[in-house]
Amino acid sequence: VLKPHGRLVMSDPTCEQPMNETLRNDER
């Protein structure tokens, strides 16, 4: 949907530590 040279601006959590399987699969 962006025009050429358009910008997608985002704010999100990031994590460098691996999540265990239970955390990764926790839907909430």
mmCIF file of all heavy atoms, coordinates in Angstrom:
data_MODEL
# 
_entry.id   MODEL 
# 
loop_
_atom_site.group_PDB 
_atom_site.id 
_atom_site.type_symbol 
_atom_site.label_atom_id 
_atom_site.label_alt_id 
_atom_site.label_comp_id 
_atom_site.label_asym_id 
_atom_site.label_entity_id 
_atom_site.label_seq_id 
_atom_site.pdbx_PDB_ins_code 
_atom_site.Cartn_x 
_atom_site.Cartn_y 
_atom_site.Cartn_z 
_atom_site.occupancy 
_atom_site.B_iso_or_equiv 
_atom_site.pdbx_formal_charge 
_atom_site.auth_seq_id 
_atom_site.auth_comp_id 
_atom_site.auth_asym_id 
_atom_site.auth_atom_id 
_atom_site.pdbx_PDB_model_num 
ATOM 1   N N   . VAL A 1 1  ? 0.808  -1.218  0.000  1.00 0.00 ? 1  VAL A N   1 
ATOM 2   C CA  . VAL A 1 1  ? 0.000  0.000   0.000  1.00 0.00 ? 1  VAL A CA  1 
ATOM 3   C C   . VAL A 1 1  ? 0.843  1.271   0.000  1.00 0.00 ? 1  VAL A C   1 
ATOM 4   O O   . VAL A 1 1  ? 0.339  2.354   -0.336 1.00 0.00 ? 1  VAL A O   1 
ATOM 5   C CB  . VAL A 1 1  ? -0.979 0.021   1.196  1.00 0.00 ? 1  VAL A CB  1 
ATOM 6   C CG1 . VAL A 1 1  ? -1.861 -1.215  1.175  1.00 0.00 ? 1  VAL A CG1 1 
ATOM 7   C CG2 . VAL A 1 1  ? -0.258 0.170   2.534  1.00 0.00 ? 1  VAL A CG2 1 
ATOM 8   N N   . LEU A 1 2  ? 2.131  1.163   0.339  1.00 0.00 ? 2  LEU A N   1 
ATOM 9   C CA  . LEU A 1 2  ? 2.981  2.343   0.392  1.00 0.00 ? 2  LEU A CA  1 
ATOM 10  C C   . LEU A 1 2  ? 3.382  2.810   -1.006 1.00 0.00 ? 2  LEU A C   1 
ATOM 11  O O   . LEU A 1 2  ? 3.647  2.006   -1.895 1.00 0.00 ? 2  LEU A O   1 
ATOM 12  C CB  . LEU A 1 2  ? 4.250  2.055   1.196  1.00 0.00 ? 2  LEU A CB  1 
ATOM 13  C CG  . LEU A 1 2  ? 4.130  2.098   2.721  1.00 0.00 ? 2  LEU A CG  1 
ATOM 14  C CD1 . LEU A 1 2  ? 5.393  1.524   3.359  1.00 0.00 ? 2  LEU A CD1 1 
ATOM 15  C CD2 . LEU A 1 2  ? 3.891  3.521   3.215  1.00 0.00 ? 2  LEU A CD2 1 
ATOM 16  N N   . LYS A 1 3  ? 3.458  4.126   -1.162 1.00 0.00 ? 3  LYS A N   1 
ATOM 17  C CA  . LYS A 1 3  ? 4.017  4.709   -2.376 1.00 0.00 ? 3  LYS A CA  1 
ATOM 18  C C   . LYS A 1 3  ? 5.530  4.473   -2.398 1.00 0.00 ? 3  LYS A C   1 
ATOM 19  O O   . LYS A 1 3  ? 6.134  4.221   -1.341 1.00 0.00 ? 3  LYS A O   1 
ATOM 20  C CB  . LYS A 1 3  ? 3.743  6.211   -2.413 1.00 0.00 ? 3  LYS A CB  1 
ATOM 21  C CG  . LYS A 1 3  ? 2.284  6.603   -2.466 1.00 0.00 ? 3  LYS A CG  1 
ATOM 22  C CD  . LYS A 1 3  ? 2.148  8.127   -2.404 1.00 0.00 ? 3  LYS A CD  1 
ATOM 23  C CE  . LYS A 1 3  ? 0.688  8.557   -2.386 1.00 0.00 ? 3  LYS A CE  1 
ATOM 24  N NZ  . LYS A 1 3  ? 0.548  10.035  -2.248 1.00 0.00 ? 3  LYS A NZ  1 
ATOM 25  N N   . PRO A 1 4  ? 6.181  4.575   -3.556 1.00 0.00 ? 4  PRO A N   1 
ATOM 26  C CA  . PRO A 1 4  ? 7.644  4.530   -3.577 1.00 0.00 ? 4  PRO A CA  1 
ATOM 27  C C   . PRO A 1 4  ? 8.219  5.582   -2.626 1.00 0.00 ? 4  PRO A C   1 
ATOM 28  O O   . PRO A 1 4  ? 7.756  6.728   -2.601 1.00 0.00 ? 4  PRO A O   1 
ATOM 29  C CB  . PRO A 1 4  ? 7.974  4.842   -5.043 1.00 0.00 ? 4  PRO A CB  1 
ATOM 30  C CG  . PRO A 1 4  ? 6.776  4.365   -5.798 1.00 0.00 ? 4  PRO A CG  1 
ATOM 31  C CD  . PRO A 1 4  ? 5.599  4.668   -4.916 1.00 0.00 ? 4  PRO A CD  1 
ATOM 32  N N   . HIS A 1 5  ? 9.196  5.182   -1.843 1.00 0.00 ? 5  HIS A N   1 
ATOM 33  C CA  . HIS A 1 5  ? 9.854  6.009   -0.828 1.00 0.00 ? 5  HIS A CA  1 
ATOM 34  C C   . HIS A 1 5  ? 8.951  6.304   0.374  1.00 0.00 ? 5  HIS A C   1 
ATOM 35  O O   . HIS A 1 5  ? 9.306  7.112   1.230  1.00 0.00 ? 5  HIS A O   1 
ATOM 36  C CB  . HIS A 1 5  ? 10.392 7.312   -1.426 1.00 0.00 ? 5  HIS A CB  1 
ATOM 37  C CG  . HIS A 1 5  ? 11.255 7.117   -2.629 1.00 0.00 ? 5  HIS A CG  1 
ATOM 38  N ND1 . HIS A 1 5  ? 12.478 6.471   -2.566 1.00 0.00 ? 5  HIS A ND1 1 
ATOM 39  C CD2 . HIS A 1 5  ? 11.043 7.438   -3.942 1.00 0.00 ? 5  HIS A CD2 1 
ATOM 40  C CE1 . HIS A 1 5  ? 13.002 6.420   -3.777 1.00 0.00 ? 5  HIS A CE1 1 
ATOM 41  N NE2 . HIS A 1 5  ? 12.155 6.978   -4.628 1.00 0.00 ? 5  HIS A NE2 1 
ATOM 42  N N   . GLY A 1 6  ? 7.771  5.652   0.420  1.00 0.00 ? 6  GLY A N   1 
ATOM 43  C CA  . GLY A 1 6  ? 6.923  5.768   1.597  1.00 0.00 ? 6  GLY A CA  1 
ATOM 44  C C   . GLY A 1 6  ? 7.560  5.081   2.796  1.00 0.00 ? 6  GLY A C   1 
ATOM 45  O O   . GLY A 1 6  ? 8.485  4.276   2.666  1.00 0.00 ? 6  GLY A O   1 
ATOM 46  N N   . ARG A 1 7  ? 7.031  5.392   3.992  1.00 0.00 ? 7  ARG A N   1 
ATOM 47  C CA  . ARG A 1 7  ? 7.645  4.907   5.234  1.00 0.00 ? 7  ARG A CA  1 
ATOM 48  C C   . ARG A 1 7  ? 6.677  4.047   6.038  1.00 0.00 ? 7  ARG A C   1 
ATOM 49  O O   . ARG A 1 7  ? 5.519  4.431   6.240  1.00 0.00 ? 7  ARG A O   1 
ATOM 50  C CB  . ARG A 1 7  ? 8.078  6.090   6.107  1.00 0.00 ? 7  ARG A CB  1 
ATOM 51  C CG  . ARG A 1 7  ? 9.197  6.901   5.489  1.00 0.00 ? 7  ARG A CG  1 
ATOM 52  C CD  . ARG A 1 7  ? 9.387  8.237   6.188  1.00 0.00 ? 7  ARG A CD  1 
ATOM 53  N NE  . ARG A 1 7  ? 10.475 8.969   5.531  1.00 0.00 ? 7  ARG A NE  1 
ATOM 54  C CZ  . ARG A 1 7  ? 11.712 9.073   6.012  1.00 0.00 ? 7  ARG A CZ  1 
ATOM 55  N NH1 . ARG A 1 7  ? 12.001 8.535   7.174  1.00 0.00 ? 7  ARG A NH1 1 
ATOM 56  N NH2 . ARG A 1 7  ? 12.639 9.733   5.357  1.00 0.00 ? 7  ARG A NH2 1 
ATOM 57  N N   . LEU A 1 8  ? 7.174  2.921   6.497  1.00 0.00 ? 8  LEU A N   1 
ATOM 58  C CA  . LEU A 1 8  ? 6.474  2.096   7.473  1.00 0.00 ? 8  LEU A CA  1 
ATOM 59  C C   . LEU A 1 8  ? 7.126  2.354   8.827  1.00 0.00 ? 8  LEU A C   1 
ATOM 60  O O   . LEU A 1 8  ? 8.302  2.066   9.018  1.00 0.00 ? 8  LEU A O   1 
ATOM 61  C CB  . LEU A 1 8  ? 6.582  0.615   7.094  1.00 0.00 ? 8  LEU A CB  1 
ATOM 62  C CG  . LEU A 1 8  ? 6.131  -0.407  8.141  1.00 0.00 ? 8  LEU A CG  1 
ATOM 63  C CD1 . LEU A 1 8  ? 4.693  -0.170  8.576  1.00 0.00 ? 8  LEU A CD1 1 
ATOM 64  C CD2 . LEU A 1 8  ? 6.308  -1.824  7.606  1.00 0.00 ? 8  LEU A CD2 1 
ATOM 65  N N   . VAL A 1 9  ? 6.356  2.932   9.756  1.00 0.00 ? 9  VAL A N   1 
ATOM 66  C CA  . VAL A 1 9  ? 6.896  3.315   11.058 1.00 0.00 ? 9  VAL A CA  1 
ATOM 67  C C   . VAL A 1 9  ? 6.276  2.400   12.112 1.00 0.00 ? 9  VAL A C   1 
ATOM 68  O O   . VAL A 1 9  ? 5.052  2.245   12.171 1.00 0.00 ? 9  VAL A O   1 
ATOM 69  C CB  . VAL A 1 9  ? 6.592  4.792   11.372 1.00 0.00 ? 9  VAL A CB  1 
ATOM 70  C CG1 . VAL A 1 9  ? 7.314  5.221   12.651 1.00 0.00 ? 9  VAL A CG1 1 
ATOM 71  C CG2 . VAL A 1 9  ? 7.013  5.685   10.205 1.00 0.00 ? 9  VAL A CG2 1 
ATOM 72  N N   . MET A 1 10 ? 7.133  1.802   12.951 1.00 0.00 ? 10 MET A N   1 
ATOM 73  C CA  . MET A 1 10 ? 6.667  0.770   13.867 1.00 0.00 ? 10 MET A CA  1 
ATOM 74  C C   . MET A 1 10 ? 7.285  0.921   15.248 1.00 0.00 ? 10 MET A C   1 
ATOM 75  O O   . MET A 1 10 ? 8.392  1.428   15.396 1.00 0.00 ? 10 MET A O   1 
ATOM 76  C CB  . MET A 1 10 ? 7.031  -0.610  13.315 1.00 0.00 ? 10 MET A CB  1 
ATOM 77  C CG  . MET A 1 10 ? 6.460  -0.892  11.949 1.00 0.00 ? 10 MET A CG  1 
ATOM 78  S SD  . MET A 1 10 ? 7.235  -2.324  11.191 1.00 0.00 ? 10 MET A SD  1 
ATOM 79  C CE  . MET A 1 10 ? 8.856  -1.660  10.883 1.00 0.00 ? 10 MET A CE  1 
ATOM 80  N N   . SER A 1 11 ? 6.546  0.447   16.232 1.00 0.00 ? 11 SER A N   1 
ATOM 81  C CA  . SER A 1 11 ? 7.080  0.313   17.583 1.00 0.00 ? 11 SER A CA  1 
ATOM 82  C C   . SER A 1 11 ? 6.676  -1.073  18.081 1.00 0.00 ? 11 SER A C   1 
ATOM 83  O O   . SER A 1 11 ? 5.492  -1.409  18.078 1.00 0.00 ? 11 SER A O   1 
ATOM 84  C CB  . SER A 1 11 ? 6.504  1.394   18.500 1.00 0.00 ? 11 SER A CB  1 
ATOM 85  O OG  . SER A 1 11 ? 7.008  1.271   19.809 1.00 0.00 ? 11 SER A OG  1 
ATOM 86  N N   . ASP A 1 12 ? 7.661  -1.875  18.442 1.00 0.00 ? 12 ASP A N   1 
ATOM 87  C CA  . ASP A 1 12 ? 7.396  -3.255  18.846 1.00 0.00 ? 12 ASP A CA  1 
ATOM 88  C C   . ASP A 1 12 ? 8.381  -3.705  19.919 1.00 0.00 ? 12 ASP A C   1 
ATOM 89  O O   . ASP A 1 12 ? 9.509  -3.212  19.992 1.00 0.00 ? 12 ASP A O   1 
ATOM 90  C CB  . ASP A 1 12 ? 7.541  -4.207  17.650 1.00 0.00 ? 12 ASP A CB  1 
ATOM 91  C CG  . ASP A 1 12 ? 6.356  -4.170  16.717 1.00 0.00 ? 12 ASP A CG  1 
ATOM 92  O OD1 . ASP A 1 12 ? 5.248  -4.495  17.160 1.00 0.00 ? 12 ASP A OD1 1 
ATOM 93  O OD2 . ASP A 1 12 ? 6.540  -3.812  15.533 1.00 0.00 ? 12 ASP A OD2 1 
ATOM 94  N N   . PRO A 1 13 ? 7.968  -4.666  20.751 1.00 0.00 ? 13 PRO A N   1 
ATOM 95  C CA  . PRO A 1 13 ? 8.924  -5.288  21.671 1.00 0.00 ? 13 PRO A CA  1 
ATOM 96  C C   . PRO A 1 13 ? 9.894  -6.204  20.924 1.00 0.00 ? 13 PRO A C   1 
ATOM 97  O O   . PRO A 1 13 ? 9.522  -6.839  19.945 1.00 0.00 ? 13 PRO A O   1 
ATOM 98  C CB  . PRO A 1 13 ? 8.031  -6.113  22.616 1.00 0.00 ? 13 PRO A CB  1 
ATOM 99  C CG  . PRO A 1 13 ? 6.643  -5.610  22.406 1.00 0.00 ? 13 PRO A CG  1 
ATOM 100 C CD  . PRO A 1 13 ? 6.602  -5.151  20.982 1.00 0.00 ? 13 PRO A CD  1 
ATOM 101 N N   . THR A 1 14 ? 11.132 -6.260  21.406 1.00 0.00 ? 14 THR A N   1 
ATOM 102 C CA  . THR A 1 14 ? 12.112 -7.213  20.889 1.00 0.00 ? 14 THR A CA  1 
ATOM 103 C C   . THR A 1 14 ? 12.790 -7.905  22.065 1.00 0.00 ? 14 THR A C   1 
ATOM 104 O O   . THR A 1 14 ? 12.795 -7.386  23.183 1.00 0.00 ? 14 THR A O   1 
ATOM 105 C CB  . THR A 1 14 ? 13.186 -6.532  20.027 1.00 0.00 ? 14 THR A CB  1 
ATOM 106 O OG1 . THR A 1 14 ? 13.898 -5.588  20.830 1.00 0.00 ? 14 THR A OG1 1 
ATOM 107 C CG2 . THR A 1 14 ? 12.565 -5.829  18.839 1.00 0.00 ? 14 THR A CG2 1 
ATOM 108 N N   . CYS A 1 15 ? 13.370 -9.048  21.806 1.00 0.00 ? 15 CYS A N   1 
ATOM 109 C CA  . CYS A 1 15 ? 14.002 -9.817  22.871 1.00 0.00 ? 15 CYS A CA  1 
ATOM 110 C C   . CYS A 1 15 ? 15.163 -10.605 22.298 1.00 0.00 ? 15 CYS A C   1 
ATOM 111 O O   . CYS A 1 15 ? 14.999 -11.336 21.318 1.00 0.00 ? 15 CYS A O   1 
ATOM 112 C CB  . CYS A 1 15 ? 12.991 -10.760 23.510 1.00 0.00 ? 15 CYS A CB  1 
ATOM 113 S SG  . CYS A 1 15 ? 13.664 -11.732 24.876 1.00 0.00 ? 15 CYS A SG  1 
ATOM 114 N N   . GLU A 1 16 ? 16.340 -10.438 22.891 1.00 0.00 ? 16 GLU A N   1 
ATOM 115 C CA  . GLU A 1 16 ? 17.511 -11.174 22.426 1.00 0.00 ? 16 GLU A CA  1 
ATOM 116 C C   . GLU A 1 16 ? 17.613 -12.551 23.076 1.00 0.00 ? 16 GLU A C   1 
ATOM 117 O O   . GLU A 1 16 ? 18.356 -13.408 22.617 1.00 0.00 ? 16 GLU A O   1 
ATOM 118 C CB  . GLU A 1 16 ? 18.782 -10.367 22.726 1.00 0.00 ? 16 GLU A CB  1 
ATOM 119 C CG  . GLU A 1 16 ? 18.831 -9.011  22.041 1.00 0.00 ? 16 GLU A CG  1 
ATOM 120 C CD  . GLU A 1 16 ? 18.733 -9.080  20.527 1.00 0.00 ? 16 GLU A CD  1 
ATOM 121 O OE1 . GLU A 1 16 ? 19.338 -9.998  19.939 1.00 0.00 ? 16 GLU A OE1 1 
ATOM 122 O OE2 . GLU A 1 16 ? 18.046 -8.238  19.937 1.00 0.00 ? 16 GLU A OE2 1 
ATOM 123 N N   . GLN A 1 17 ? 16.877 -12.767 24.181 1.00 0.00 ? 17 GLN A N   1 
ATOM 124 C CA  . GLN A 1 17 ? 16.927 -14.055 24.864 1.00 0.00 ? 17 GLN A CA  1 
ATOM 125 C C   . GLN A 1 17 ? 15.897 -15.004 24.260 1.00 0.00 ? 17 GLN A C   1 
ATOM 126 O O   . GLN A 1 17 ? 14.767 -14.606 23.981 1.00 0.00 ? 17 GLN A O   1 
ATOM 127 C CB  . GLN A 1 17 ? 16.631 -13.871 26.358 1.00 0.00 ? 17 GLN A CB  1 
ATOM 128 C CG  . GLN A 1 17 ? 17.642 -13.016 27.090 1.00 0.00 ? 17 GLN A CG  1 
ATOM 129 C CD  . GLN A 1 17 ? 17.079 -12.514 28.404 1.00 0.00 ? 17 GLN A CD  1 
ATOM 130 O OE1 . GLN A 1 17 ? 16.567 -11.411 28.495 1.00 0.00 ? 17 GLN A OE1 1 
ATOM 131 N NE2 . GLN A 1 17 ? 17.189 -13.344 29.433 1.00 0.00 ? 17 GLN A NE2 1 
ATOM 132 N N   . PRO A 1 18 ? 16.256 -16.264 24.057 1.00 0.00 ? 18 PRO A N   1 
ATOM 133 C CA  . PRO A 1 18 ? 15.287 -17.209 23.500 1.00 0.00 ? 18 PRO A CA  1 
ATOM 134 C C   . PRO A 1 18 ? 14.157 -17.505 24.474 1.00 0.00 ? 18 PRO A C   1 
ATOM 135 O O   . PRO A 1 18 ? 14.378 -17.645 25.685 1.00 0.00 ? 18 PRO A O   1 
ATOM 136 C CB  . PRO A 1 18 ? 16.132 -18.456 23.226 1.00 0.00 ? 18 PRO A CB  1 
ATOM 137 C CG  . PRO A 1 18 ? 17.293 -18.361 24.168 1.00 0.00 ? 18 PRO A CG  1 
ATOM 138 C CD  . PRO A 1 18 ? 17.570 -16.894 24.316 1.00 0.00 ? 18 PRO A CD  1 
ATOM 139 N N   . MET A 1 19 ? 12.932 -17.566 23.955 1.00 0.00 ? 19 MET A N   1 
ATOM 140 C CA  . MET A 1 19 ? 11.768 -17.938 24.761 1.00 0.00 ? 19 MET A CA  1 
ATOM 141 C C   . MET A 1 19 ? 11.662 -19.461 24.813 1.00 0.00 ? 19 MET A C   1 
ATOM 142 O O   . MET A 1 19 ? 11.924 -20.146 23.828 1.00 0.00 ? 19 MET A O   1 
ATOM 143 C CB  . MET A 1 19 ? 10.491 -17.375 24.128 1.00 0.00 ? 19 MET A CB  1 
ATOM 144 C CG  . MET A 1 19 ? 10.489 -15.873 23.937 1.00 0.00 ? 19 MET A CG  1 
ATOM 145 S SD  . MET A 1 19 ? 9.820  -15.051 25.362 1.00 0.00 ? 19 MET A SD  1 
ATOM 146 C CE  . MET A 1 19 ? 9.784  -13.347 24.754 1.00 0.00 ? 19 MET A CE  1 
ATOM 147 N N   . ASN A 1 20 ? 11.258 -19.994 25.957 1.00 0.00 ? 20 ASN A N   1 
ATOM 148 C CA  . ASN A 1 20 ? 11.028 -21.432 25.998 1.00 0.00 ? 20 ASN A CA  1 
ATOM 149 C C   . ASN A 1 20 ? 9.733  -21.767 25.256 1.00 0.00 ? 20 ASN A C   1 
ATOM 150 O O   . ASN A 1 20 ? 8.946  -20.888 24.896 1.00 0.00 ? 20 ASN A O   1 
ATOM 151 C CB  . ASN A 1 20 ? 10.995 -21.956 27.440 1.00 0.00 ? 20 ASN A CB  1 
ATOM 152 C CG  . ASN A 1 20 ? 9.841  -21.385 28.263 1.00 0.00 ? 20 ASN A CG  1 
ATOM 153 O OD1 . ASN A 1 20 ? 8.724  -21.258 27.777 1.00 0.00 ? 20 ASN A OD1 1 
ATOM 154 N ND2 . ASN A 1 20 ? 10.116 -21.039 29.511 1.00 0.00 ? 20 ASN A ND2 1 
ATOM 155 N N   . GLU A 1 21 ? 9.522  -23.047 25.018 1.00 0.00 ? 21 GLU A N   1 
ATOM 156 C CA  . GLU A 1 21 ? 8.391  -23.456 24.184 1.00 0.00 ? 21 GLU A CA  1 
ATOM 157 C C   . GLU A 1 21 ? 7.061  -23.051 24.793 1.00 0.00 ? 21 GLU A C   1 
ATOM 158 O O   . GLU A 1 21 ? 6.131  -22.645 24.083 1.00 0.00 ? 21 GLU A O   1 
ATOM 159 C CB  . GLU A 1 21 ? 8.437  -24.975 23.965 1.00 0.00 ? 21 GLU A CB  1 
ATOM 160 C CG  . GLU A 1 21 ? 7.381  -25.473 22.992 1.00 0.00 ? 21 GLU A CG  1 
ATOM 161 C CD  . GLU A 1 21 ? 7.535  -26.956 22.676 1.00 0.00 ? 21 GLU A CD  1 
ATOM 162 O OE1 . GLU A 1 21 ? 8.512  -27.561 23.142 1.00 0.00 ? 21 GLU A OE1 1 
ATOM 163 O OE2 . GLU A 1 21 ? 6.676  -27.486 21.956 1.00 0.00 ? 21 GLU A OE2 1 
ATOM 164 N N   . THR A 1 22 ? 6.956  -23.129 26.127 1.00 0.00 ? 22 THR A N   1 
ATOM 165 C CA  . THR A 1 22 ? 5.705  -22.752 26.785 1.00 0.00 ? 22 THR A CA  1 
ATOM 166 C C   . THR A 1 22 ? 5.381  -21.290 26.553 1.00 0.00 ? 22 THR A C   1 
ATOM 167 O O   . THR A 1 22 ? 4.242  -20.922 26.233 1.00 0.00 ? 22 THR A O   1 
ATOM 168 C CB  . THR A 1 22 ? 5.798  -23.032 28.303 1.00 0.00 ? 22 THR A CB  1 
ATOM 169 O OG1 . THR A 1 22 ? 6.071  -24.419 28.512 1.00 0.00 ? 22 THR A OG1 1 
ATOM 170 C CG2 . THR A 1 22 ? 4.497  -22.672 29.000 1.00 0.00 ? 22 THR A CG2 1 
ATOM 171 N N   . LEU A 1 23 ? 6.396  -20.437 26.688 1.00 0.00 ? 23 LEU A N   1 
ATOM 172 C CA  . LEU A 1 23 ? 6.183  -19.007 26.437 1.00 0.00 ? 23 LEU A CA  1 
ATOM 173 C C   . LEU A 1 23 ? 5.816  -18.747 24.987 1.00 0.00 ? 23 LEU A C   1 
ATOM 174 O O   . LEU A 1 23 ? 4.902  -17.983 24.689 1.00 0.00 ? 23 LEU A O   1 
ATOM 175 C CB  . LEU A 1 23 ? 7.442  -18.226 26.799 1.00 0.00 ? 23 LEU A CB  1 
ATOM 176 C CG  . LEU A 1 23 ? 7.636  -17.851 28.273 1.00 0.00 ? 23 LEU A CG  1 
ATOM 177 C CD1 . LEU A 1 23 ? 9.041  -17.317 28.498 1.00 0.00 ? 23 LEU A CD1 1 
ATOM 178 C CD2 . LEU A 1 23 ? 6.611  -16.809 28.693 1.00 0.00 ? 23 LEU A CD2 1 
ATOM 179 N N   . ARG A 1 24 ? 6.528  -19.384 24.074 1.00 0.00 ? 24 ARG A N   1 
ATOM 180 C CA  . ARG A 1 24 ? 6.290  -19.152 22.646 1.00 0.00 ? 24 ARG A CA  1 
ATOM 181 C C   . ARG A 1 24 ? 4.873  -19.529 22.245 1.00 0.00 ? 24 ARG A C   1 
ATOM 182 O O   . ARG A 1 24 ? 4.289  -18.932 21.344 1.00 0.00 ? 24 ARG A O   1 
ATOM 183 C CB  . ARG A 1 24 ? 7.282  -19.937 21.796 1.00 0.00 ? 24 ARG A CB  1 
ATOM 184 C CG  . ARG A 1 24 ? 8.707  -19.409 21.826 1.00 0.00 ? 24 ARG A CG  1 
ATOM 185 C CD  . ARG A 1 24 ? 9.504  -19.952 20.641 1.00 0.00 ? 24 ARG A CD  1 
ATOM 186 N NE  . ARG A 1 24 ? 9.468  -21.394 20.564 1.00 0.00 ? 24 ARG A NE  1 
ATOM 187 C CZ  . ARG A 1 24 ? 10.320 -22.211 21.162 1.00 0.00 ? 24 ARG A CZ  1 
ATOM 188 N NH1 . ARG A 1 24 ? 11.309 -21.718 21.897 1.00 0.00 ? 24 ARG A NH1 1 
ATOM 189 N NH2 . ARG A 1 24 ? 10.221 -23.523 21.029 1.00 0.00 ? 24 ARG A NH2 1 
ATOM 190 N N   . ASN A 1 25 ? 4.309  -20.541 22.931 1.00 0.00 ? 25 ASN A N   1 
ATOM 191 C CA  . ASN A 1 25 ? 2.987  -21.048 22.567 1.00 0.00 ? 25 ASN A CA  1 
ATOM 192 C C   . ASN A 1 25 ? 1.862  -20.487 23.432 1.00 0.00 ? 25 ASN A C   1 
ATOM 193 O O   . ASN A 1 25 ? 0.715  -20.927 23.318 1.00 0.00 ? 25 ASN A O   1 
ATOM 194 C CB  . ASN A 1 25 ? 2.975  -22.582 22.649 1.00 0.00 ? 25 ASN A CB  1 
ATOM 195 C CG  . ASN A 1 25 ? 3.893  -23.213 21.618 1.00 0.00 ? 25 ASN A CG  1 
ATOM 196 O OD1 . ASN A 1 25 ? 4.071  -22.669 20.542 1.00 0.00 ? 25 ASN A OD1 1 
ATOM 197 N ND2 . ASN A 1 25 ? 4.476  -24.351 21.948 1.00 0.00 ? 25 ASN A ND2 1 
ATOM 198 N N   . ASP A 1 26 ? 2.199  -19.535 24.308 1.00 0.00 ? 26 ASP A N   1 
ATOM 199 C CA  . ASP A 1 26 ? 1.186  -18.924 25.160 1.00 0.00 ? 26 ASP A CA  1 
ATOM 200 C C   . ASP A 1 26 ? 0.399  -17.899 24.342 1.00 0.00 ? 26 ASP A C   1 
ATOM 201 O O   . ASP A 1 26 ? 0.910  -16.837 23.988 1.00 0.00 ? 26 ASP A O   1 
ATOM 202 C CB  . ASP A 1 26 ? 1.858  -18.250 26.365 1.00 0.00 ? 26 ASP A CB  1 
ATOM 203 C CG  . ASP A 1 26 ? 0.847  -17.783 27.412 1.00 0.00 ? 26 ASP A CG  1 
ATOM 204 O OD1 . ASP A 1 26 ? -0.130 -17.127 27.013 1.00 0.00 ? 26 ASP A OD1 1 
ATOM 205 O OD2 . ASP A 1 26 ? 1.054  -18.060 28.601 1.00 0.00 ? 26 ASP A OD2 1 
ATOM 206 N N   . GLU A 1 27 ? -0.856 -18.221 24.020 1.00 0.00 ? 27 GLU A N   1 
ATOM 207 C CA  . GLU A 1 27 ? -1.638 -17.380 23.113 1.00 0.00 ? 27 GLU A CA  1 
ATOM 208 C C   . GLU A 1 27 ? -1.907 -16.004 23.702 1.00 0.00 ? 27 GLU A C   1 
ATOM 209 O O   . GLU A 1 27 ? -1.921 -14.997 22.987 1.00 0.00 ? 27 GLU A O   1 
ATOM 210 C CB  . GLU A 1 27 ? -2.949 -18.075 22.758 1.00 0.00 ? 27 GLU A CB  1 
ATOM 211 C CG  . GLU A 1 27 ? -2.761 -19.310 21.891 1.00 0.00 ? 27 GLU A CG  1 
ATOM 212 C CD  . GLU A 1 27 ? -4.074 -19.923 21.454 1.00 0.00 ? 27 GLU A CD  1 
ATOM 213 O OE1 . GLU A 1 27 ? -5.131 -19.447 21.902 1.00 0.00 ? 27 GLU A OE1 1 
ATOM 214 O OE2 . GLU A 1 27 ? -4.034 -20.882 20.661 1.00 0.00 ? 27 GLU A OE2 1 
ATOM 215 N N   . ARG A 1 28 ? -2.126 -15.929 25.019 1.00 0.00 ? 28 ARG A N   1 
ATOM 216 C CA  . ARG A 1 28 ? -2.411 -14.611 25.599 1.00 0.00 ? 28 ARG A CA  1 
ATOM 217 C C   . ARG A 1 28 ? -1.156 -13.739 25.603 1.00 0.00 ? 28 ARG A C   1 
ATOM 218 O O   . ARG A 1 28 ? -1.238 -12.530 25.336 1.00 0.00 ? 28 ARG A O   1 
ATOM 219 C CB  . ARG A 1 28 ? -2.963 -14.747 27.014 1.00 0.00 ? 28 ARG A CB  1 
ATOM 220 C CG  . ARG A 1 28 ? -3.407 -13.391 27.571 1.00 0.00 ? 28 ARG A CG  1 
ATOM 221 C CD  . ARG A 1 28 ? -4.208 -13.506 28.841 1.00 0.00 ? 28 ARG A CD  1 
ATOM 222 N NE  . ARG A 1 28 ? -4.582 -12.192 29.329 1.00 0.00 ? 28 ARG A NE  1 
ATOM 223 C CZ  . ARG A 1 28 ? -5.646 -11.504 28.946 1.00 0.00 ? 28 ARG A CZ  1 
ATOM 224 N NH1 . ARG A 1 28 ? -6.462 -12.024 28.052 1.00 0.00 ? 28 ARG A NH1 1 
ATOM 225 N NH2 . ARG A 1 28 ? -5.912 -10.306 29.422 1.00 0.00 ? 28 ARG A NH2 1 
# 
